[in-house]
Amino acid sequence: MTSEERIKRQKELVETMGRMYDRKGFQPISGRIVALLTVMDKELFTFDEIVEELQISKGSASNALRMLEMSNIIEYITLPGDRKKHFRIRKHDKFSLIDEHKEKLNISLSFLKETLDLKADKNSGNAQFIRSMIDMLGYFLEKFEELKIEYLQKNN
């Protein structure tokens, strides 16, 4: 694959990932910025480079960057002798994505338990389904920690 082909595919992936982030509840521009900072070979982008690369307005870029910074998804650094902010993906613990999913599953588990507690007929078909969901989520949540420990032991 030539360099031009790779860059073209990277830009296509930025758009695809931007749509995925949009479906996850991000503002479309925020998703595209996260994708840009993740996918492209260049790891630091100035405000103007982001605006130009994504063909977005400065106001939209500013709002999206502010929201992404407040959410600890991106960060900026300054370089010696350069007054511009250079944005990049914030490096998290390698388990942060797994932990984020675990947190969401714990919230779902809590809602399911509360729902089951509020059921008048604990043996109804719906209640049985909820109970099976609770059992399954409990099992998977236990495995998250076991798998993290196993991974660390294998890769250290």
N, C-alpha and C. Protein backbone atom coordinates (compact mmCIF):
# COMPACT_ATOMS: atom_id res chain seq x y z
N MET A 1 0.85 -1.17 0.00
CA MET A 1 0.00 0.00 0.00
C MET A 1 0.90 1.24 0.00
N THR A 2 0.60 2.16 -0.87
CA THR A 2 1.40 3.38 -0.93
C THR A 2 1.03 4.31 0.21
N SER A 3 1.85 5.29 0.44
CA SER A 3 1.60 6.27 1.49
C SER A 3 0.29 7.02 1.23
N GLU A 4 0.04 7.37 -0.03
CA GLU A 4 -1.21 8.08 -0.38
C GLU A 4 -2.43 7.21 -0.12
N GLU A 5 -2.33 5.93 -0.45
CA GLU A 5 -3.45 5.00 -0.22
C GLU A 5 -3.71 4.85 1.29
N ARG A 6 -2.63 4.74 2.06
CA ARG A 6 -2.77 4.59 3.51
C ARG A 6 -3.43 5.81 4.11
N ILE A 7 -3.01 7.01 3.71
CA ILE A 7 -3.59 8.24 4.24
C ILE A 7 -5.07 8.34 3.84
N LYS A 8 -5.38 7.96 2.61
CA LYS A 8 -6.79 7.97 2.16
C LYS A 8 -7.63 7.04 3.02
N ARG A 9 -7.10 5.83 3.29
CA ARG A 9 -7.83 4.87 4.13
C ARG A 9 -7.95 5.37 5.56
N GLN A 10 -6.91 6.05 6.06
CA GLN A 10 -6.98 6.61 7.41
C GLN A 10 -8.11 7.65 7.48
N LYS A 11 -8.19 8.51 6.47
CA LYS A 11 -9.23 9.55 6.46
C LYS A 11 -10.62 8.93 6.36
N GLU A 12 -10.76 7.86 5.61
CA GLU A 12 -12.05 7.16 5.54
C GLU A 12 -12.40 6.57 6.90
N LEU A 13 -11.39 6.02 7.58
CA LEU A 13 -11.62 5.44 8.90
C LEU A 13 -12.00 6.53 9.91
N VAL A 14 -11.42 7.71 9.79
CA VAL A 14 -11.79 8.84 10.66
C VAL A 14 -13.29 9.12 10.53
N GLU A 15 -13.79 9.14 9.31
CA GLU A 15 -15.22 9.41 9.08
C GLU A 15 -16.08 8.27 9.63
N THR A 16 -15.65 7.03 9.41
CA THR A 16 -16.40 5.88 9.91
C THR A 16 -16.45 5.88 11.43
N MET A 17 -15.29 6.12 12.06
CA MET A 17 -15.25 6.17 13.52
C MET A 17 -16.05 7.35 14.04
N GLY A 18 -16.03 8.46 13.33
CA GLY A 18 -16.83 9.62 13.74
C GLY A 18 -18.30 9.27 13.80
N ARG A 19 -18.79 8.50 12.82
CA ARG A 19 -20.19 8.07 12.82
C ARG A 19 -20.46 7.11 13.98
N MET A 20 -19.48 6.24 14.28
CA MET A 20 -19.64 5.32 15.40
C MET A 20 -19.76 6.09 16.72
N TYR A 21 -18.87 7.07 16.91
CA TYR A 21 -18.94 7.88 18.13
C TYR A 21 -20.25 8.65 18.19
N ASP A 22 -20.75 9.09 17.05
CA ASP A 22 -22.03 9.78 16.99
C ASP A 22 -23.14 8.87 17.52
N ARG A 23 -23.12 7.60 17.12
CA ARG A 23 -24.13 6.64 17.60
C ARG A 23 -23.98 6.37 19.09
N LYS A 24 -22.77 6.58 19.63
CA LYS A 24 -22.55 6.39 21.07
C LYS A 24 -22.96 7.61 21.88
N GLY A 25 -23.43 8.67 21.20
CA GLY A 25 -23.90 9.84 21.92
C GLY A 25 -22.99 11.05 21.87
N PHE A 26 -21.84 10.92 21.22
CA PHE A 26 -20.96 12.08 21.06
C PHE A 26 -21.57 13.02 20.03
N GLN A 27 -21.20 14.27 20.11
CA GLN A 27 -21.52 15.18 19.02
C GLN A 27 -20.73 14.69 17.81
N PRO A 28 -21.29 14.78 16.61
CA PRO A 28 -20.58 14.27 15.44
C PRO A 28 -19.17 14.83 15.29
N ILE A 29 -18.99 16.11 15.53
CA ILE A 29 -17.66 16.71 15.37
C ILE A 29 -16.71 16.19 16.44
N SER A 30 -17.20 16.00 17.66
CA SER A 30 -16.35 15.46 18.72
C SER A 30 -15.84 14.07 18.34
N GLY A 31 -16.73 13.26 17.80
CA GLY A 31 -16.33 11.91 17.38
C GLY A 31 -15.29 11.94 16.28
N ARG A 32 -15.44 12.86 15.35
CA ARG A 32 -14.47 12.97 14.26
C ARG A 32 -13.12 13.45 14.78
N ILE A 33 -13.14 14.35 15.76
CA ILE A 33 -11.87 14.83 16.33
C ILE A 33 -11.16 13.68 17.06
N VAL A 34 -11.89 12.93 17.87
CA VAL A 34 -11.29 11.79 18.56
C VAL A 34 -10.71 10.81 17.55
N ALA A 35 -11.46 10.55 16.50
CA ALA A 35 -10.98 9.63 15.46
C ALA A 35 -9.73 10.18 14.78
N LEU A 36 -9.74 11.45 14.46
CA LEU A 36 -8.58 12.07 13.81
C LEU A 36 -7.33 11.91 14.67
N LEU A 37 -7.45 12.21 15.95
CA LEU A 37 -6.31 12.14 16.86
C LEU A 37 -5.87 10.70 17.12
N THR A 38 -6.76 9.75 16.90
CA THR A 38 -6.45 8.35 17.13
C THR A 38 -5.88 7.67 15.89
N VAL A 39 -6.47 7.93 14.75
CA VAL A 39 -6.16 7.17 13.53
C VAL A 39 -4.94 7.68 12.78
N MET A 40 -4.81 8.97 12.66
CA MET A 40 -3.75 9.51 11.81
C MET A 40 -2.37 9.25 12.42
N ASP A 41 -1.37 9.17 11.56
CA ASP A 41 0.00 8.94 12.03
C ASP A 41 0.48 10.10 12.89
N LYS A 42 0.09 11.30 12.52
CA LYS A 42 0.47 12.49 13.28
C LYS A 42 -0.26 12.43 14.63
N GLU A 43 0.45 12.61 15.71
CA GLU A 43 -0.15 12.47 17.03
C GLU A 43 -0.52 13.79 17.69
N LEU A 44 0.00 14.89 17.18
CA LEU A 44 -0.32 16.21 17.71
C LEU A 44 -0.90 17.07 16.59
N PHE A 45 -2.05 17.67 16.85
CA PHE A 45 -2.69 18.56 15.88
C PHE A 45 -2.98 19.89 16.56
N THR A 46 -2.70 20.99 15.86
CA THR A 46 -3.09 22.30 16.37
C THR A 46 -4.57 22.51 16.07
N PHE A 47 -5.13 23.52 16.70
CA PHE A 47 -6.53 23.88 16.47
C PHE A 47 -6.78 24.09 14.98
N ASP A 48 -5.93 24.90 14.35
CA ASP A 48 -6.12 25.19 12.93
C ASP A 48 -6.00 23.94 12.06
N GLU A 49 -5.10 23.04 12.41
CA GLU A 49 -4.96 21.80 11.63
C GLU A 49 -6.21 20.93 11.75
N ILE A 50 -6.79 20.90 12.94
CA ILE A 50 -8.03 20.13 13.14
C ILE A 50 -9.15 20.72 12.30
N VAL A 51 -9.28 22.06 12.35
CA VAL A 51 -10.32 22.74 11.56
C VAL A 51 -10.14 22.43 10.08
N GLU A 52 -8.91 22.55 9.60
CA GLU A 52 -8.65 22.34 8.18
C GLU A 52 -8.82 20.88 7.78
N GLU A 53 -8.29 19.98 8.57
CA GLU A 53 -8.34 18.55 8.23
C GLU A 53 -9.78 18.04 8.18
N LEU A 54 -10.61 18.49 9.12
CA LEU A 54 -11.98 17.99 9.19
C LEU A 54 -12.98 18.89 8.45
N GLN A 55 -12.49 20.04 7.95
CA GLN A 55 -13.36 20.99 7.24
C GLN A 55 -14.57 21.37 8.09
N ILE A 56 -14.29 21.85 9.31
CA ILE A 56 -15.34 22.26 10.25
C ILE A 56 -15.11 23.71 10.64
N SER A 57 -16.14 24.32 11.20
CA SER A 57 -16.02 25.71 11.61
C SER A 57 -15.18 25.81 12.89
N LYS A 58 -14.59 26.98 13.08
CA LYS A 58 -13.78 27.19 14.28
C LYS A 58 -14.64 27.12 15.54
N GLY A 59 -15.85 27.63 15.48
CA GLY A 59 -16.74 27.58 16.63
C GLY A 59 -17.09 26.15 17.02
N SER A 60 -17.42 25.33 16.01
CA SER A 60 -17.74 23.92 16.28
C SER A 60 -16.52 23.20 16.84
N ALA A 61 -15.36 23.46 16.27
CA ALA A 61 -14.14 22.81 16.74
C ALA A 61 -13.85 23.22 18.18
N SER A 62 -14.00 24.50 18.48
CA SER A 62 -13.73 25.00 19.82
C SER A 62 -14.65 24.34 20.85
N ASN A 63 -15.94 24.28 20.55
CA ASN A 63 -16.90 23.66 21.47
C ASN A 63 -16.59 22.18 21.67
N ALA A 64 -16.31 21.48 20.58
CA ALA A 64 -16.02 20.05 20.67
C ALA A 64 -14.74 19.79 21.45
N LEU A 65 -13.70 20.57 21.19
CA LEU A 65 -12.44 20.38 21.90
C LEU A 65 -12.61 20.65 23.40
N ARG A 66 -13.37 21.66 23.74
CA ARG A 66 -13.62 21.97 25.15
C ARG A 66 -14.33 20.80 25.84
N MET A 67 -15.36 20.25 25.18
CA MET A 67 -16.10 19.14 25.75
C MET A 67 -15.20 17.91 25.90
N LEU A 68 -14.38 17.64 24.90
CA LEU A 68 -13.48 16.48 24.95
C LEU A 68 -12.42 16.64 26.04
N GLU A 69 -11.95 17.86 26.24
CA GLU A 69 -10.98 18.11 27.33
C GLU A 69 -11.64 17.91 28.68
N MET A 70 -12.84 18.44 28.85
CA MET A 70 -13.55 18.30 30.12
C MET A 70 -13.89 16.84 30.42
N SER A 71 -14.05 16.04 29.38
CA SER A 71 -14.34 14.61 29.54
C SER A 71 -13.06 13.77 29.69
N ASN A 72 -11.91 14.42 29.71
CA ASN A 72 -10.61 13.74 29.84
C ASN A 72 -10.34 12.76 28.71
N ILE A 73 -10.85 13.06 27.53
CA ILE A 73 -10.61 12.21 26.37
C ILE A 73 -9.39 12.70 25.61
N ILE A 74 -9.24 14.01 25.56
CA ILE A 74 -8.08 14.61 24.90
C ILE A 74 -7.39 15.55 25.88
N GLU A 75 -6.21 15.96 25.50
CA GLU A 75 -5.46 16.95 26.27
C GLU A 75 -4.65 17.78 25.30
N TYR A 76 -4.14 18.88 25.77
CA TYR A 76 -3.25 19.65 24.92
C TYR A 76 -1.94 19.87 25.64
N ILE A 77 -0.91 20.04 24.82
CA ILE A 77 0.39 20.39 25.35
C ILE A 77 0.87 21.61 24.56
N THR A 78 1.85 22.27 25.11
CA THR A 78 2.51 23.34 24.37
C THR A 78 3.95 22.91 24.15
N LEU A 79 4.48 23.35 23.05
CA LEU A 79 5.86 23.01 22.71
C LEU A 79 6.75 24.22 22.95
N PRO A 80 7.99 24.02 23.35
CA PRO A 80 8.90 25.14 23.59
C PRO A 80 8.98 26.05 22.36
N GLY A 81 8.80 27.34 22.59
CA GLY A 81 8.90 28.32 21.51
C GLY A 81 7.67 28.42 20.64
N ASP A 82 6.61 27.67 20.95
CA ASP A 82 5.38 27.68 20.16
C ASP A 82 4.21 27.97 21.10
N ARG A 83 3.48 29.04 20.84
CA ARG A 83 2.37 29.43 21.73
C ARG A 83 1.09 28.64 21.45
N LYS A 84 1.07 27.89 20.36
CA LYS A 84 -0.14 27.16 19.99
C LYS A 84 -0.33 25.93 20.88
N LYS A 85 -1.61 25.57 21.07
CA LYS A 85 -1.95 24.33 21.75
C LYS A 85 -1.88 23.20 20.74
N HIS A 86 -1.29 22.10 21.17
CA HIS A 86 -1.22 20.90 20.33
C HIS A 86 -2.05 19.82 21.04
N PHE A 87 -3.09 19.37 20.35
CA PHE A 87 -4.04 18.42 20.94
C PHE A 87 -3.64 16.99 20.62
N ARG A 88 -3.93 16.11 21.59
CA ARG A 88 -3.66 14.69 21.41
C ARG A 88 -4.64 13.88 22.27
N ILE A 89 -4.71 12.61 21.96
CA ILE A 89 -5.52 11.70 22.77
C ILE A 89 -4.84 11.57 24.14
N ARG A 90 -5.65 11.64 25.18
CA ARG A 90 -5.10 11.46 26.53
C ARG A 90 -4.81 9.97 26.72
N LYS A 91 -3.61 9.68 27.14
CA LYS A 91 -3.22 8.30 27.37
C LYS A 91 -3.76 7.86 28.73
N HIS A 92 -4.54 6.82 28.71
CA HIS A 92 -5.14 6.29 29.92
C HIS A 92 -4.49 4.95 30.26
N ASP A 93 -4.85 4.45 31.39
CA ASP A 93 -4.49 3.10 31.76
C ASP A 93 -4.98 2.17 30.64
N LYS A 94 -4.21 1.15 30.32
CA LYS A 94 -4.60 0.28 29.20
C LYS A 94 -5.91 -0.45 29.46
N PHE A 95 -6.36 -0.49 30.69
CA PHE A 95 -7.63 -1.14 31.00
C PHE A 95 -8.80 -0.15 31.05
N SER A 96 -8.57 1.10 30.72
CA SER A 96 -9.63 2.10 30.86
C SER A 96 -10.87 1.78 30.03
N LEU A 97 -10.69 1.25 28.83
CA LEU A 97 -11.84 0.90 28.00
C LEU A 97 -12.64 -0.23 28.63
N ILE A 98 -11.92 -1.25 29.12
CA ILE A 98 -12.58 -2.37 29.80
C ILE A 98 -13.29 -1.88 31.06
N ASP A 99 -12.62 -1.03 31.83
CA ASP A 99 -13.21 -0.52 33.06
C ASP A 99 -14.45 0.34 32.78
N GLU A 100 -14.42 1.07 31.67
CA GLU A 100 -15.59 1.87 31.29
C GLU A 100 -16.78 0.96 31.00
N HIS A 101 -16.54 -0.12 30.28
CA HIS A 101 -17.62 -1.07 29.99
C HIS A 101 -18.09 -1.77 31.27
N LYS A 102 -17.14 -2.09 32.13
CA LYS A 102 -17.50 -2.72 33.40
C LYS A 102 -18.41 -1.80 34.22
N GLU A 103 -18.08 -0.53 34.24
CA GLU A 103 -18.90 0.44 34.98
C GLU A 103 -20.33 0.50 34.41
N LYS A 104 -20.44 0.50 33.10
CA LYS A 104 -21.77 0.53 32.46
C LYS A 104 -22.55 -0.74 32.78
N LEU A 105 -21.85 -1.88 32.76
CA LEU A 105 -22.52 -3.13 33.09
C LEU A 105 -22.96 -3.15 34.55
N ASN A 106 -22.16 -2.60 35.45
CA ASN A 106 -22.55 -2.51 36.85
C ASN A 106 -23.80 -1.65 37.03
N ILE A 107 -23.89 -0.57 36.28
CA ILE A 107 -25.09 0.28 36.34
C ILE A 107 -26.29 -0.49 35.84
N SER A 108 -26.13 -1.21 34.73
CA SER A 108 -27.23 -2.03 34.19
C SER A 108 -27.63 -3.09 35.20
N LEU A 109 -26.66 -3.72 35.83
CA LEU A 109 -26.94 -4.75 36.83
C LEU A 109 -27.75 -4.17 37.99
N SER A 110 -27.38 -2.99 38.43
CA SER A 110 -28.09 -2.34 39.52
C SER A 110 -29.56 -2.06 39.14
N PHE A 111 -29.77 -1.56 37.92
CA PHE A 111 -31.14 -1.29 37.46
C PHE A 111 -31.95 -2.59 37.35
N LEU A 112 -31.31 -3.64 36.86
CA LEU A 112 -32.01 -4.91 36.73
C LEU A 112 -32.40 -5.47 38.10
N LYS A 113 -31.49 -5.37 39.06
CA LYS A 113 -31.80 -5.84 40.42
C LYS A 113 -32.96 -5.06 41.02
N GLU A 114 -32.94 -3.74 40.84
CA GLU A 114 -34.03 -2.91 41.36
C GLU A 114 -35.35 -3.25 40.66
N THR A 115 -35.28 -3.48 39.35
CA THR A 115 -36.47 -3.86 38.59
C THR A 115 -37.05 -5.16 39.11
N LEU A 116 -36.18 -6.16 39.33
CA LEU A 116 -36.65 -7.45 39.83
C LEU A 116 -37.26 -7.29 41.22
N ASP A 117 -36.64 -6.47 42.07
CA ASP A 117 -37.19 -6.23 43.41
C ASP A 117 -38.60 -5.64 43.35
N LEU A 118 -38.88 -4.84 42.33
CA LEU A 118 -40.17 -4.16 42.22
C LEU A 118 -41.24 -5.02 41.54
N LYS A 119 -40.87 -6.17 41.00
CA LYS A 119 -41.83 -7.05 40.34
C LYS A 119 -42.75 -7.69 41.39
N ALA A 120 -44.05 -7.60 41.14
CA ALA A 120 -45.02 -8.23 42.04
C ALA A 120 -44.92 -9.74 41.93
N ASP A 121 -44.83 -10.23 40.69
CA ASP A 121 -44.73 -11.67 40.46
C ASP A 121 -43.29 -12.01 40.09
N LYS A 122 -42.54 -12.48 41.06
CA LYS A 122 -41.11 -12.78 40.86
C LYS A 122 -40.89 -14.01 39.97
N ASN A 123 -41.99 -14.71 39.62
CA ASN A 123 -41.87 -15.90 38.78
C ASN A 123 -42.43 -15.69 37.38
N SER A 124 -42.83 -14.46 37.07
CA SER A 124 -43.34 -14.18 35.73
C SER A 124 -42.23 -14.40 34.70
N GLY A 125 -42.62 -14.53 33.45
CA GLY A 125 -41.64 -14.72 32.39
C GLY A 125 -40.65 -13.58 32.33
N ASN A 126 -41.14 -12.36 32.49
CA ASN A 126 -40.28 -11.18 32.46
C ASN A 126 -39.31 -11.20 33.64
N ALA A 127 -39.80 -11.56 34.81
CA ALA A 127 -38.94 -11.61 36.00
C ALA A 127 -37.87 -12.70 35.84
N GLN A 128 -38.23 -13.83 35.25
CA GLN A 128 -37.26 -14.90 35.03
C GLN A 128 -36.17 -14.44 34.06
N PHE A 129 -36.58 -13.72 33.02
CA PHE A 129 -35.61 -13.20 32.06
C PHE A 129 -34.66 -12.22 32.75
N ILE A 130 -35.20 -11.33 33.57
CA ILE A 130 -34.38 -10.35 34.29
C ILE A 130 -33.40 -11.06 35.22
N ARG A 131 -33.88 -12.10 35.90
CA ARG A 131 -33.02 -12.86 36.80
C ARG A 131 -31.86 -13.51 36.02
N SER A 132 -32.16 -14.02 34.83
CA SER A 132 -31.09 -14.64 34.03
C SER A 132 -30.09 -13.58 33.56
N MET A 133 -30.57 -12.38 33.26
CA MET A 133 -29.67 -11.28 32.88
C MET A 133 -28.78 -10.90 34.06
N ILE A 134 -29.36 -10.87 35.26
CA ILE A 134 -28.59 -10.55 36.46
C ILE A 134 -27.50 -11.59 36.68
N ASP A 135 -27.85 -12.86 36.53
CA ASP A 135 -26.86 -13.94 36.70
C ASP A 135 -25.74 -13.81 35.67
N MET A 136 -26.11 -13.57 34.41
CA MET A 136 -25.12 -13.47 33.35
C MET A 136 -24.19 -12.28 33.59
N LEU A 137 -24.76 -11.11 33.90
CA LEU A 137 -23.92 -9.93 34.14
C LEU A 137 -23.00 -10.15 35.33
N GLY A 138 -23.51 -10.75 36.38
CA GLY A 138 -22.68 -11.04 37.54
C GLY A 138 -21.49 -11.91 37.17
N TYR A 139 -21.74 -12.92 36.37
CA TYR A 139 -20.68 -13.82 35.92
C TYR A 139 -19.62 -13.06 35.13
N PHE A 140 -20.06 -12.27 34.14
CA PHE A 140 -19.11 -11.53 33.31
C PHE A 140 -18.35 -10.48 34.13
N LEU A 141 -19.00 -9.83 35.05
CA LEU A 141 -18.32 -8.83 35.86
C LEU A 141 -17.23 -9.46 36.73
N GLU A 142 -17.47 -10.66 37.24
CA GLU A 142 -16.43 -11.37 38.00
C GLU A 142 -15.24 -11.68 37.10
N LYS A 143 -15.52 -12.07 35.89
CA LYS A 143 -14.47 -12.47 34.96
C LYS A 143 -13.59 -11.30 34.52
N PHE A 144 -14.13 -10.08 34.50
CA PHE A 144 -13.34 -8.92 34.11
C PHE A 144 -12.05 -8.84 34.94
N GLU A 145 -12.19 -8.89 36.25
CA GLU A 145 -11.02 -8.77 37.12
C GLU A 145 -10.08 -9.95 36.97
N GLU A 146 -10.64 -11.16 36.86
CA GLU A 146 -9.81 -12.35 36.67
C GLU A 146 -9.01 -12.23 35.37
N LEU A 147 -9.65 -11.77 34.31
CA LEU A 147 -8.97 -11.65 33.02
C LEU A 147 -7.89 -10.57 33.04
N LYS A 148 -8.15 -9.48 33.76
CA LYS A 148 -7.12 -8.44 33.87
C LYS A 148 -5.88 -8.99 34.57
N ILE A 149 -6.07 -9.72 35.66
CA ILE A 149 -4.96 -10.31 36.40
C ILE A 149 -4.22 -11.32 35.52
N GLU A 150 -4.98 -12.16 34.83
CA GLU A 150 -4.37 -13.15 33.93
C GLU A 150 -3.56 -12.47 32.84
N TYR A 151 -4.10 -11.42 32.27
CA TYR A 151 -3.39 -10.67 31.23
C TYR A 151 -2.08 -10.08 31.76
N LEU A 152 -2.15 -9.47 32.94
CA LEU A 152 -0.94 -8.86 33.52
C LEU A 152 0.12 -9.90 33.81
N GLN A 153 -0.29 -11.05 34.33
CA GLN A 153 0.67 -12.12 34.61
C GLN A 153 1.31 -12.65 33.35
N LYS A 154 0.53 -12.74 32.29
CA LYS A 154 1.02 -13.26 31.01
C LYS A 154 1.95 -12.28 30.30
N ASN A 155 1.70 -10.98 30.48
CA ASN A 155 2.42 -9.95 29.71
C ASN A 155 3.41 -9.16 30.55
N ASN A 156 3.77 -9.62 31.70
CA ASN A 156 4.78 -8.91 32.49
C ASN A 156 6.02 -9.74 32.68
